[in-house]
PDB file of N, CA and C in Angstrom:
ATOM      1  N   MET A   1      -2.376 -16.421  -7.115  1.00  0.00           N
ATOM      2  CA  MET A   1      -2.896 -15.638  -6.019  1.00  0.00           C
ATOM      3  C   MET A   1      -1.975 -15.707  -4.803  1.00  0.00           C
ATOM      4  N   ASP A   2      -1.508 -16.928  -4.444  1.00  0.00           N
ATOM      5  CA  ASP A   2      -0.626 -17.069  -3.288  1.00  0.00           C
ATOM      6  C   ASP A   2       0.658 -16.277  -3.471  1.00  0.00           C
ATOM      7  N   GLN A   3       1.186 -16.286  -4.692  1.00  0.00           N
ATOM      8  CA  GLN A   3       2.417 -15.541  -4.960  1.00  0.00           C
ATOM      9  C   GLN A   3       2.194 -14.051  -4.727  1.00  0.00           C
ATOM     10  N   THR A   4       1.050 -13.530  -5.167  1.00  0.00           N
ATOM     11  CA  THR A   4       0.736 -12.117  -4.980  1.00  0.00           C
ATOM     12  C   THR A   4       0.614 -11.791  -3.500  1.00  0.00           C
ATOM     13  N   LEU A   5      -0.076 -12.621  -2.744  1.00  0.00           N
ATOM     14  CA  LEU A   5      -0.272 -12.369  -1.315  1.00  0.00           C
ATOM     15  C   LEU A   5       1.017 -12.510  -0.514  1.00  0.00           C
ATOM     16  N   ASN A   6       1.912 -13.385  -0.948  1.00  0.00           N
ATOM     17  CA  ASN A   6       3.145 -13.635  -0.206  1.00  0.00           C
ATOM     18  C   ASN A   6       4.303 -12.732  -0.614  1.00  0.00           C
ATOM     19  N   THR A   7       4.112 -11.926  -1.627  1.00  0.00           N
ATOM     20  CA  THR A   7       5.155 -11.003  -2.047  1.00  0.00           C
ATOM     21  C   THR A   7       5.335  -9.921  -0.988  1.00  0.00           C
ATOM     22  N   THR A   8       6.562  -9.507  -0.772  1.00  0.00           N
ATOM     23  CA  THR A   8       6.863  -8.454   0.198  1.00  0.00           C
ATOM     24  C   THR A   8       7.012  -7.118  -0.525  1.00  0.00           C
ATOM     25  N   HIS A   9       6.339  -6.102  -0.013  1.00  0.00           N
ATOM     26  CA  HIS A   9       6.430  -4.739  -0.550  1.00  0.00           C
ATOM     27  C   HIS A   9       7.041  -3.857   0.531  1.00  0.00           C
ATOM     28  N   THR A  10       8.017  -3.053   0.141  1.00  0.00           N
ATOM     29  CA  THR A  10       8.768  -2.250   1.097  1.00  0.00           C
ATOM     30  C   THR A  10       8.567  -0.769   0.837  1.00  0.00           C
ATOM     31  N   GLY A  11       8.378  -0.023   1.914  1.00  0.00           N
ATOM     32  CA  GLY A  11       8.283   1.434   1.838  1.00  0.00           C
ATOM     33  C   GLY A  11       9.289   2.055   2.785  1.00  0.00           C
ATOM     34  N   HIS A  12       9.832   3.193   2.378  1.00  0.00           N
ATOM     35  CA  HIS A  12      10.833   3.893   3.183  1.00  0.00           C
ATOM     36  C   HIS A  12      10.400   5.333   3.400  1.00  0.00           C
ATOM     37  N   SER A  13      10.854   5.897   4.503  1.00  0.00           N
ATOM     38  CA  SER A  13      10.733   7.339   4.681  1.00  0.00           C
ATOM     39  C   SER A  13      11.784   7.983   3.763  1.00  0.00           C
ATOM     40  N   PRO A  14      11.690   9.293   3.519  1.00  0.00           N
ATOM     41  CA  PRO A  14      12.568   9.932   2.525  1.00  0.00           C
ATOM     42  C   PRO A  14      14.065   9.667   2.707  1.00  0.00           C
ATOM     43  N   HIS A  15      14.550   9.648   3.928  1.00  0.00           N
ATOM     44  CA  HIS A  15      15.982   9.426   4.155  1.00  0.00           C
ATOM     45  C   HIS A  15      16.242   8.048   4.768  1.00  0.00           C
ATOM     46  N   ARG A  16      15.243   7.170   4.617  1.00  0.00           N
ATOM     47  CA  ARG A  16      15.330   5.784   5.084  1.00  0.00           C
ATOM     48  C   ARG A  16      15.507   5.652   6.597  1.00  0.00           C
ATOM     49  N   GLU A  17      14.937   6.610   7.333  1.00  0.00           N
ATOM     50  CA  GLU A  17      14.946   6.499   8.788  1.00  0.00           C
ATOM     51  C   GLU A  17      14.025   5.367   9.234  1.00  0.00           C
ATOM     52  N   VAL A  18      12.950   5.141   8.457  1.00  0.00           N
ATOM     53  CA  VAL A  18      11.957   4.116   8.764  1.00  0.00           C
ATOM     54  C   VAL A  18      11.746   3.261   7.517  1.00  0.00           C
ATOM     55  N   THR A  19      11.695   1.951   7.720  1.00  0.00           N
ATOM     56  CA  THR A  19      11.417   1.003   6.640  1.00  0.00           C
ATOM     57  C   THR A  19      10.262   0.124   7.093  1.00  0.00           C
ATOM     58  N   VAL A  20       9.273  -0.037   6.214  1.00  0.00           N
ATOM     59  CA  VAL A  20       8.099  -0.849   6.509  1.00  0.00           C
ATOM     60  C   VAL A  20       7.964  -1.912   5.429  1.00  0.00           C
ATOM     61  N   GLU A  21       7.644  -3.139   5.829  1.00  0.00           N
ATOM     62  CA  GLU A  21       7.387  -4.214   4.882  1.00  0.00           C
ATOM     63  C   GLU A  21       5.959  -4.719   5.061  1.00  0.00           C
ATOM     64  N   LEU A  22       5.279  -4.941   3.931  1.00  0.00           N
ATOM     65  CA  LEU A  22       3.904  -5.438   3.916  1.00  0.00           C
ATOM     66  C   LEU A  22       3.809  -6.656   3.006  1.00  0.00           C
ATOM     67  N   THR A  23       2.821  -7.507   3.258  1.00  0.00           N
ATOM     68  CA  THR A  23       2.510  -8.590   2.332  1.00  0.00           C
ATOM     69  C   THR A  23       1.700  -8.012   1.170  1.00  0.00           C
ATOM     70  N   GLY A  24       1.495  -8.807   0.140  1.00  0.00           N
ATOM     71  CA  GLY A  24       0.669  -8.381  -0.987  1.00  0.00           C
ATOM     72  C   GLY A  24      -0.774  -8.132  -0.597  1.00  0.00           C
ATOM     73  N   GLY A  25      -1.200  -8.662   0.533  1.00  0.00           N
ATOM     74  CA  GLY A  25      -2.541  -8.419   1.040  1.00  0.00           C
ATOM     75  C   GLY A  25      -2.625  -7.201   1.941  1.00  0.00           C
ATOM     76  N   GLY A  26      -1.482  -6.555   2.199  1.00  0.00           N
ATOM     77  CA  GLY A  26      -1.469  -5.341   3.000  1.00  0.00           C
ATOM     78  C   GLY A  26      -1.190  -5.535   4.476  1.00  0.00           C
ATOM     79  N   ASP A  27      -0.802  -6.747   4.892  1.00  0.00           N
ATOM     80  CA  ASP A  27      -0.472  -6.984   6.297  1.00  0.00           C
ATOM     81  C   ASP A  27       0.951  -6.510   6.591  1.00  0.00           C
ATOM     82  N   VAL A  28       1.121  -5.788   7.690  1.00  0.00           N
ATOM     83  CA  VAL A  28       2.444  -5.320   8.103  1.00  0.00           C
ATOM     84  C   VAL A  28       3.236  -6.505   8.645  1.00  0.00           C
ATOM     85  N   THR A  29       4.438  -6.714   8.105  1.00  0.00           N
ATOM     86  CA  THR A  29       5.285  -7.806   8.577  1.00  0.00           C
ATOM     87  C   THR A  29       6.533  -7.301   9.289  1.00  0.00           C
ATOM     88  N   SER A  30       6.895  -6.036   9.037  1.00  0.00           N
ATOM     89  CA  SER A  30       8.117  -5.526   9.647  1.00  0.00           C
ATOM     90  C   SER A  30       8.106  -4.003   9.659  1.00  0.00           C
ATOM     91  N   VAL A  31       8.584  -3.433  10.753  1.00  0.00           N
ATOM     92  CA  VAL A  31       8.818  -1.990  10.862  1.00  0.00           C
ATOM     93  C   VAL A  31      10.203  -1.839  11.471  1.00  0.00           C
ATOM     94  N   ARG A  32      11.095  -1.150  10.762  1.00  0.00           N
ATOM     95  CA  ARG A  32      12.458  -0.958  11.258  1.00  0.00           C
ATOM     96  C   ARG A  32      12.786   0.531  11.312  1.00  0.00           C
ATOM     97  N   PHE A  33      13.478   0.919  12.354  1.00  0.00           N
ATOM     98  CA  PHE A  33      13.901   2.308  12.543  1.00  0.00           C
ATOM     99  C   PHE A  33      15.425   2.360  12.562  1.00  0.00           C
ATOM    100  N   ASP A  34      15.980   3.411  11.968  1.00  0.00           N
ATOM    101  CA  ASP A  34      17.408   3.662  12.093  1.00  0.00           C
ATOM    102  C   ASP A  34      17.674   4.008  13.561  1.00  0.00           C
ATOM    103  N   ARG A  35      18.495   3.239  14.238  1.00  0.00           N
ATOM    104  CA  ARG A  35      18.686   3.400  15.688  1.00  0.00           C
ATOM    105  C   ARG A  35      19.272   4.765  16.054  1.00  0.00           C
ATOM    106  N   ARG A  36      20.238   5.231  15.288  1.00  0.00           N
ATOM    107  CA  ARG A  36      20.832   6.539  15.612  1.00  0.00           C
ATOM    108  C   ARG A  36      19.808   7.651  15.466  1.00  0.00           C
ATOM    109  N   TRP A  37      19.017   7.581  14.409  1.00  0.00           N
ATOM    110  CA  TRP A  37      17.985   8.596  14.184  1.00  0.00           C
ATOM    111  C   TRP A  37      16.921   8.511  15.279  1.00  0.00           C
ATOM    112  N   LEU A  38      16.517   7.301  15.627  1.00  0.00           N
ATOM    113  CA  LEU A  38      15.445   7.082  16.595  1.00  0.00           C
ATOM    114  C   LEU A  38      15.801   7.629  17.982  1.00  0.00           C
ATOM    115  N   ARG A  39      17.053   7.545  18.332  1.00  0.00           N
ATOM    116  CA  ARG A  39      17.500   7.992  19.653  1.00  0.00           C
ATOM    117  C   ARG A  39      17.168   9.472  19.900  1.00  0.00           C
ATOM    118  N   ASP A  40      17.253  10.308  18.843  1.00  0.00           N
ATOM    119  CA  ASP A  40      17.030  11.749  18.995  1.00  0.00           C
ATOM    120  C   ASP A  40      15.759  12.250  18.311  1.00  0.00           C
ATOM    121  N   ALA A  41      14.968  11.346  17.744  1.00  0.00           N
ATOM    122  CA  ALA A  41      13.788  11.759  16.978  1.00  0.00           C
ATOM    123  C   ALA A  41      12.695  12.312  17.887  1.00  0.00           C
ATOM    124  N   HIS A  42      12.088  13.381  17.444  1.00  0.00           N
ATOM    125  CA  HIS A  42      10.943  13.969  18.135  1.00  0.00           C
ATOM    126  C   HIS A  42       9.714  13.131  17.809  1.00  0.00           C
ATOM    127  N   ASP A  43       8.755  13.067  18.733  1.00  0.00           N
ATOM    128  CA  ASP A  43       7.539  12.271  18.531  1.00  0.00           C
ATOM    129  C   ASP A  43       6.834  12.614  17.225  1.00  0.00           C
ATOM    130  N   ALA A  44       6.700  13.894  16.933  1.00  0.00           N
ATOM    131  CA  ALA A  44       6.000  14.307  15.715  1.00  0.00           C
ATOM    132  C   ALA A  44       6.752  13.852  14.472  1.00  0.00           C
ATOM    133  N   ASN A  45       8.074  13.924  14.502  1.00  0.00           N
ATOM    134  CA  ASN A  45       8.863  13.499  13.359  1.00  0.00           C
ATOM    135  C   ASN A  45       8.797  11.984  13.205  1.00  0.00           C
ATOM    136  N   LEU A  46       8.789  11.268  14.314  1.00  0.00           N
ATOM    137  CA  LEU A  46       8.668   9.816  14.281  1.00  0.00           C
ATOM    138  C   LEU A  46       7.357   9.415  13.604  1.00  0.00           C
ATOM    139  N   THR A  47       6.285  10.049  13.999  1.00  0.00           N
ATOM    140  CA  THR A  47       4.976   9.770  13.401  1.00  0.00           C
ATOM    141  C   THR A  47       4.964  10.102  11.922  1.00  0.00           C
ATOM    142  N   ARG A  48       5.520  11.229  11.552  1.00  0.00           N
ATOM    143  CA  ARG A  48       5.551  11.655  10.149  1.00  0.00           C
ATOM    144  C   ARG A  48       6.352  10.672   9.284  1.00  0.00           C
ATOM    145  N   GLN A  49       7.520  10.262   9.769  1.00  0.00           N
ATOM    146  CA  GLN A  49       8.361   9.349   8.998  1.00  0.00           C
ATOM    147  C   GLN A  49       7.734   7.956   8.895  1.00  0.00           C
ATOM    148  N   LEU A  50       7.106   7.497   9.969  1.00  0.00           N
ATOM    149  CA  LEU A  50       6.426   6.201   9.936  1.00  0.00           C
ATOM    150  C   LEU A  50       5.256   6.241   8.958  1.00  0.00           C
ATOM    151  N   THR A  51       4.489   7.310   8.998  1.00  0.00           N
ATOM    152  CA  THR A  51       3.352   7.460   8.080  1.00  0.00           C
ATOM    153  C   THR A  51       3.819   7.485   6.628  1.00  0.00           C
ATOM    154  N   THR A  52       4.905   8.175   6.365  1.00  0.00           N
ATOM    155  CA  THR A  52       5.442   8.253   5.002  1.00  0.00           C
ATOM    156  C   THR A  52       5.886   6.877   4.512  1.00  0.00           C
ATOM    157  N   ALA A  53       6.558   6.123   5.373  1.00  0.00           N
ATOM    158  CA  ALA A  53       7.009   4.781   4.991  1.00  0.00           C
ATOM    159  C   ALA A  53       5.824   3.850   4.765  1.00  0.00           C
ATOM    160  N   LEU A  54       4.814   3.928   5.629  1.00  0.00           N
ATOM    161  CA  LEU A  54       3.610   3.112   5.440  1.00  0.00           C
ATOM    162  C   LEU A  54       2.905   3.463   4.137  1.00  0.00           C
ATOM    163  N   ARG A  55       2.771   4.755   3.866  1.00  0.00           N
ATOM    164  CA  ARG A  55       2.119   5.187   2.630  1.00  0.00           C
ATOM    165  C   ARG A  55       2.870   4.644   1.403  1.00  0.00           C
ATOM    166  N   ALA A  56       4.194   4.725   1.428  1.00  0.00           N
ATOM    167  CA  ALA A  56       4.995   4.226   0.305  1.00  0.00           C
ATOM    168  C   ALA A  56       4.808   2.725   0.114  1.00  0.00           C
ATOM    169  N   ALA A  57       4.760   1.983   1.207  1.00  0.00           N
ATOM    170  CA  ALA A  57       4.567   0.535   1.107  1.00  0.00           C
ATOM    171  C   ALA A  57       3.166   0.199   0.597  1.00  0.00           C
ATOM    172  N   TYR A  58       2.152   0.911   1.102  1.00  0.00           N
ATOM    173  CA  TYR A  58       0.787   0.649   0.638  1.00  0.00           C
ATOM    174  C   TYR A  58       0.595   1.036  -0.833  1.00  0.00           C
ATOM    175  N   GLU A  59       1.325   2.018  -1.315  1.00  0.00           N
ATOM    176  CA  GLU A  59       1.271   2.344  -2.747  1.00  0.00           C
ATOM    177  C   GLU A  59       1.792   1.173  -3.571  1.00  0.00           C
ATOM    178  N   GLN A  60       2.829   0.493  -3.067  1.00  0.00           N
ATOM    179  CA  GLN A  60       3.346  -0.699  -3.749  1.00  0.00           C
ATOM    180  C   GLN A  60       2.303  -1.812  -3.751  1.00  0.00           C
ATOM    181  N   VAL A  61       1.630  -2.008  -2.616  1.00  0.00           N
ATOM    182  CA  VAL A  61       0.582  -3.032  -2.541  1.00  0.00           C
ATOM    183  C   VAL A  61      -0.546  -2.694  -3.516  1.00  0.00           C
ATOM    184  N   ASP A  62      -0.963  -1.433  -3.550  1.00  0.00           N
ATOM    185  CA  ASP A  62      -2.031  -1.032  -4.472  1.00  0.00           C
ATOM    186  C   ASP A  62      -1.640  -1.275  -5.922  1.00  0.00           C
ATOM    187  N   ALA A  63      -0.388  -1.043  -6.255  1.00  0.00           N
ATOM    188  CA  ALA A  63       0.073  -1.192  -7.636  1.00  0.00           C
ATOM    189  C   ALA A  63       0.309  -2.645  -8.032  1.00  0.00           C
ATOM    190  N   HIS A  64       0.715  -3.491  -7.058  1.00  0.00           N
ATOM    191  CA  HIS A  64       1.137  -4.844  -7.425  1.00  0.00           C
ATOM    192  C   HIS A  64       0.530  -5.949  -6.584  1.00  0.00           C
ATOM    193  N   GLY A  65      -0.205  -5.622  -5.540  1.00  0.00           N
ATOM    194  CA  GLY A  65      -0.710  -6.632  -4.614  1.00  0.00           C
ATOM    195  C   GLY A  65      -2.112  -7.102  -4.940  1.00  0.00           C
ATOM    196  N   ALA A  66      -2.771  -7.607  -3.909  1.00  0.00           N
ATOM    197  CA  ALA A  66      -4.105  -8.184  -4.061  1.00  0.00           C
ATOM    198  C   ALA A  66      -5.120  -7.214  -4.662  1.00  0.00           C
ATOM    199  N   PRO A  67      -5.129  -5.924  -4.279  1.00  0.00           N
ATOM    200  CA  PRO A  67      -6.110  -5.026  -4.897  1.00  0.00           C
ATOM    201  C   PRO A  67      -5.969  -4.955  -6.426  1.00  0.00           C
ATOM    202  N   ARG A  68      -4.730  -4.963  -6.923  1.00  0.00           N
ATOM    203  CA  ARG A  68      -4.497  -4.920  -8.376  1.00  0.00           C
ATOM    204  C   ARG A  68      -4.930  -6.236  -9.003  1.00  0.00           C
ATOM    205  N   LEU A  69      -4.622  -7.347  -8.343  1.00  0.00           N
ATOM    206  CA  LEU A  69      -5.011  -8.660  -8.844  1.00  0.00           C
ATOM    207  C   LEU A  69      -6.527  -8.754  -8.984  1.00  0.00           C
ATOM    208  N   ILE A  70      -7.245  -8.272  -7.981  1.00  0.00           N
ATOM    209  CA  ILE A  70      -8.713  -8.298  -8.029  1.00  0.00           C
ATOM    210  C   ILE A  70      -9.236  -7.344  -9.096  1.00  0.00           C
ATOM    211  N   ALA A  71      -8.677  -6.154  -9.173  1.00  0.00           N
ATOM    212  CA  ALA A  71      -9.149  -5.170 -10.158  1.00  0.00           C
ATOM    213  C   ALA A  71      -9.014  -5.683 -11.583  1.00  0.00           C
ATOM    214  N   ASP A  72      -7.986  -6.480 -11.849  1.00  0.00           N
ATOM    215  CA  ASP A  72      -7.741  -6.999 -13.194  1.00  0.00           C
ATOM    216  C   ASP A  72      -8.463  -8.313 -13.469  1.00  0.00           C
ATOM    217  N   SER A  73      -9.267  -8.780 -12.534  1.00  0.00           N
ATOM    218  CA  SER A  73      -9.952 -10.064 -12.676  1.00  0.00           C
ATOM    219  C   SER A  73     -11.427  -9.857 -13.042  1.00  0.00           C
ATOM    220  N   PRO A  74     -12.136 -10.943 -13.344  1.00  0.00           N
ATOM    221  CA  PRO A  74     -13.576 -10.835 -13.575  1.00  0.00           C
ATOM    222  C   PRO A  74     -14.321 -10.240 -12.370  1.00  0.00           C
ATOM    223  N   LEU A  75     -13.842 -10.509 -11.165  1.00  0.00           N
ATOM    224  CA  LEU A  75     -14.459  -9.917  -9.978  1.00  0.00           C
ATOM    225  C   LEU A  75     -14.328  -8.395 -10.007  1.00  0.00           C
ATOM    226  N   GLY A  76     -13.170  -7.898 -10.421  1.00  0.00           N
ATOM    227  CA  GLY A  76     -12.973  -6.453 -10.543  1.00  0.00           C
ATOM    228  C   GLY A  76     -13.917  -5.848 -11.557  1.00  0.00           C
ATOM    229  N   HIS A  77     -14.115  -6.548 -12.671  1.00  0.00           N
ATOM    230  CA  HIS A  77     -15.068  -6.073 -13.688  1.00  0.00           C
ATOM    231  C   HIS A  77     -16.480  -6.038 -13.102  1.00  0.00           C
ATOM    232  N   ALA A  78     -16.844  -7.067 -12.344  1.00  0.00           N
ATOM    233  CA  ALA A  78     -18.175  -7.108 -11.732  1.00  0.00           C
ATOM    234  C   ALA A  78     -18.347  -5.960 -10.735  1.00  0.00           C
ATOM    235  N   GLN A  79     -17.302  -5.640  -9.985  1.00  0.00           N
ATOM    236  CA  GLN A  79     -17.378  -4.523  -9.046  1.00  0.00           C
ATOM    237  C   GLN A  79     -17.616  -3.208  -9.790  1.00  0.00           C
ATOM    238  N   THR A  80     -16.941  -3.034 -10.909  1.00  0.00           N
ATOM    239  CA  THR A  80     -17.107  -1.819 -11.711  1.00  0.00           C
ATOM    240  C   THR A  80     -18.532  -1.715 -12.230  1.00  0.00           C
ATOM    241  N   VAL A  81     -19.059  -2.819 -12.722  1.00  0.00           N
ATOM    242  CA  VAL A  81     -20.431  -2.835 -13.243  1.00  0.00           C
ATOM    243  C   VAL A  81     -21.429  -2.534 -12.131  1.00  0.00           C
ATOM    244  N   MET A  82     -21.193  -3.082 -10.949  1.00  0.00           N
ATOM    245  CA  MET A  82     -22.125  -2.866  -9.839  1.00  0.00           C
ATOM    246  C   MET A  82     -22.113  -1.408  -9.380  1.00  0.00           C
ATOM    247  N   ARG A  83     -20.967  -0.737  -9.500  1.00  0.00           N
ATOM    248  CA  ARG A  83     -20.905   0.677  -9.131  1.00  0.00           C
ATOM    249  C   ARG A  83     -21.677   1.539 -10.116  1.00  0.00           C
ATOM    250  N   ASP A  84     -21.747   1.106 -11.376  1.00  0.00           N
ATOM    251  CA  ASP A  84     -22.407   1.877 -12.431  1.00  0.00           C
ATOM    252  C   ASP A  84     -23.136   0.902 -13.363  1.00  0.00           C
ATOM    253  N   PRO A  85     -24.230   0.298 -12.895  1.00  0.00           N
ATOM    254  CA  PRO A  85     -24.890  -0.772 -13.675  1.00  0.00           C
ATOM    255  C   PRO A  85     -25.418  -0.348 -15.028  1.00  0.00           C
ATOM    256  N   PHE A  86     -25.714   0.933 -15.231  1.00  0.00           N
ATOM    257  CA  PHE A  86     -26.257   1.381 -16.517  1.00  0.00           C
ATOM    258  C   PHE A  86     -25.178   2.016 -17.393  1.00  0.00           C
ATOM    259  N   GLY A  87     -23.933   2.032 -16.913  1.00  0.00           N
ATOM    260  CA  GLY A  87     -22.830   2.580 -17.700  1.00  0.00           C
ATOM    261  C   GLY A  87     -22.914   4.079 -17.892  1.00  0.00           C
ATOM    262  N   THR A  88     -23.550   4.787 -16.976  1.00  0.00           N
ATOM    263  CA  THR A  88     -23.756   6.219 -17.166  1.00  0.00           C
ATOM    264  C   THR A  88     -22.578   7.075 -16.723  1.00  0.00           C
ATOM    265  N   LEU A  89     -21.695   6.527 -15.872  1.00  0.00           N
ATOM    266  CA  LEU A  89     -20.589   7.333 -15.365  1.00  0.00           C
ATOM    267  C   LEU A  89     -19.571   7.664 -16.452  1.00  0.00           C
ATOM    268  N   GLY A  90     -19.428   6.806 -17.417  1.00  0.00           N
ATOM    269  CA  GLY A  90     -18.480   7.056 -18.508  1.00  0.00           C
ATOM    270  C   GLY A  90     -19.134   7.758 -19.690  1.00  0.00           C
ATOM    271  N   CYS A  91     -20.406   8.047 -19.575  1.00  0.00           N
ATOM    272  CA  CYS A  91     -21.168   8.630 -20.683  1.00  0.00           C
ATOM    273  C   CYS A  91     -20.940  10.149 -20.749  1.00  0.00           C
ATOM    274  N   PRO A  92     -20.565  10.679 -21.919  1.00  0.00           N
ATOM    275  CA  PRO A  92     -20.407  12.143 -22.052  1.00  0.00           C
ATOM    276  C   PRO A  92     -21.756  12.826 -22.355  1.00  0.00           C
ATOM    277  N   CYS A  93     -22.816  12.305 -21.782  1.00  0.00           N
ATOM    278  CA  CYS A  93     -24.174  12.792 -22.059  1.00  0.00           C
ATOM    279  C   CYS A  93     -24.355  14.244 -21.643  1.00  0.00           C
TER     280      CYS A  93
END
């Protein structure tokens, strides 16, 4: 569990203007901007590129971080059962 939480996941904007690093638990540990790009970036573009980098990093956390660890555990199975206790959601009734 500690290894999963302490793993670093990185997301980039399409041209690597923005780089974001998250822990396996989804905590932001670093946000870096390309200085040359940042000097002339428009506010809307800055927001768009930051959002894209965050989304990419959170996709890595979802695929390999704590949410995946929980989903693959007995707790994840219990959560699934609690959402559909009678098993009707998977039923082709």
